[in-house]
């Protein structure tokens, strides 16, 4: 089964694409480029921090 795009494999800690990829439960993506896929965990961290800050503002207290 072929999938378009690039994915970050959480299991092998590498970019995967084409027909030889791990199961979807082990991947983040799809991304348009391999470089974007390589930054997947950084993007997750950035988004989690932003959401934590928003939650703190919503709850009226510091993070």
C-alpha atoms as a PDB file:
ATOM      1  CA  UNK A   1       0.000   0.000   0.000  1.00  0.00           C
ATOM      2  CA  UNK A   2       1.591   3.254  -1.136  1.00  0.00           C
ATOM      3  CA  UNK A   3       1.134   6.504   0.803  1.00  0.00           C
ATOM      4  CA  UNK A   4       1.959   9.953  -0.488  1.00  0.00           C
ATOM      5  CA  UNK A   5       4.280  12.191   1.483  1.00  0.00           C
ATOM      6  CA  UNK A   6       6.899  11.694   4.131  1.00  0.00           C
ATOM      7  CA  UNK A   7       6.401  10.387   7.646  1.00  0.00           C
ATOM      8  CA  UNK A   8       8.419  10.342  10.846  1.00  0.00           C
ATOM      9  CA  UNK A   9       8.622   6.805  12.193  1.00  0.00           C
ATOM     10  CA  UNK A  10       8.426   6.837  15.998  1.00  0.00           C
ATOM     11  CA  UNK A  11       9.649   3.264  16.137  1.00  0.00           C
ATOM     12  CA  UNK A  12      12.814   3.635  14.046  1.00  0.00           C
ATOM     13  CA  UNK A  13      13.358   7.393  14.540  1.00  0.00           C
ATOM     14  CA  UNK A  14      13.721   8.104  10.822  1.00  0.00           C
ATOM     15  CA  UNK A  15      11.880   9.533   7.830  1.00  0.00           C
ATOM     16  CA  UNK A  16       9.915   6.992   5.805  1.00  0.00           C
ATOM     17  CA  UNK A  17       8.059   7.210   2.507  1.00  0.00           C
ATOM     18  CA  UNK A  18       6.840   5.027  -0.309  1.00  0.00           C
ATOM     19  CA  UNK A  19       5.780   1.422  -0.011  1.00  0.00           C
ATOM     20  CA  UNK A  20       8.125   0.369   2.798  1.00  0.00           C
ATOM     21  CA  UNK A  21       6.778   2.132   5.895  1.00  0.00           C
ATOM     22  CA  UNK A  22       5.837   1.074   9.393  1.00  0.00           C
ATOM     23  CA  UNK A  23       2.207   0.809  10.429  1.00  0.00           C
ATOM     24  CA  UNK A  24       0.302   4.076  10.759  1.00  0.00           C
ATOM     25  CA  UNK A  25       0.273   3.812  14.566  1.00  0.00           C
ATOM     26  CA  UNK A  26       4.069   4.258  14.509  1.00  0.00           C
ATOM     27  CA  UNK A  27       4.123   7.325  12.211  1.00  0.00           C
ATOM     28  CA  UNK A  28       3.590  11.080  12.328  1.00  0.00           C
ATOM     29  CA  UNK A  29       2.556  12.792   9.112  1.00  0.00           C
ATOM     30  CA  UNK A  30       2.177  13.089   6.253  1.00  0.00           C
ATOM     31  CA  UNK A  31       4.570  15.925   5.511  1.00  0.00           C
ATOM     32  CA  UNK A  32       5.348  17.489   2.138  1.00  0.00           C
ATOM     33  CA  UNK A  33       9.119  17.117   2.453  1.00  0.00           C
ATOM     34  CA  UNK A  34      11.590  14.859   4.232  1.00  0.00           C
ATOM     35  CA  UNK A  35      12.949  17.923   6.060  1.00  0.00           C
ATOM     36  CA  UNK A  36       9.509  18.663   7.512  1.00  0.00           C
ATOM     37  CA  UNK A  37       9.160  15.040   8.603  1.00  0.00           C
ATOM     38  CA  UNK A  38      12.553  15.236  10.340  1.00  0.00           C
ATOM     39  CA  UNK A  39      11.192  18.137  12.427  1.00  0.00           C
ATOM     40  CA  UNK A  40       8.033  16.238  13.438  1.00  0.00           C
ATOM     41  CA  UNK A  41       8.949  15.778  17.099  1.00  0.00           C
ATOM     42  CA  UNK A  42      10.091  19.393  17.374  1.00  0.00           C
ATOM     43  CA  UNK A  43       6.731  20.539  15.989  1.00  0.00           C
ATOM     44  CA  UNK A  44       4.910  18.322  18.482  1.00  0.00           C
ATOM     45  CA  UNK A  45       6.921  19.840  21.335  1.00  0.00           C
ATOM     46  CA  UNK A  46       6.282  23.404  20.112  1.00  0.00           C
ATOM     47  CA  UNK A  47       2.554  22.786  19.761  1.00  0.00           C
ATOM     48  CA  UNK A  48       2.294  21.138  23.178  1.00  0.00           C
ATOM     49  CA  UNK A  49       4.064  24.088  24.800  1.00  0.00           C
ATOM     50  CA  UNK A  50       1.738  26.550  23.043  1.00  0.00           C
ATOM     51  CA  UNK A  51      -1.330  24.570  24.102  1.00  0.00           C
ATOM     52  CA  UNK A  52      -0.060  24.345  27.700  1.00  0.00           C
ATOM     53  CA  UNK A  53       0.405  28.126  27.747  1.00  0.00           C
ATOM     54  CA  UNK A  54      -3.087  28.633  26.325  1.00  0.00           C
ATOM     55  CA  UNK A  55      -4.540  26.283  28.953  1.00  0.00           C
ATOM     56  CA  UNK A  56      -2.783  28.264  31.691  1.00  0.00           C
ATOM     57  CA  UNK A  57      -4.167  31.553  30.348  1.00  0.00           C
ATOM     58  CA  UNK A  58      -7.634  29.999  30.112  1.00  0.00           C
ATOM     59  CA  UNK A  59      -7.413  28.785  33.704  1.00  0.00           C
ATOM     60  CA  UNK A  60      -6.068  32.167  34.856  1.00  0.00           C
ATOM     61  CA  UNK A  61      -2.752  31.082  36.271  1.00  0.00           C
ATOM     62  CA  UNK A  62       0.887  30.654  35.394  1.00  0.00           C
ATOM     63  CA  UNK A  63       2.036  27.561  33.612  1.00  0.00           C
END
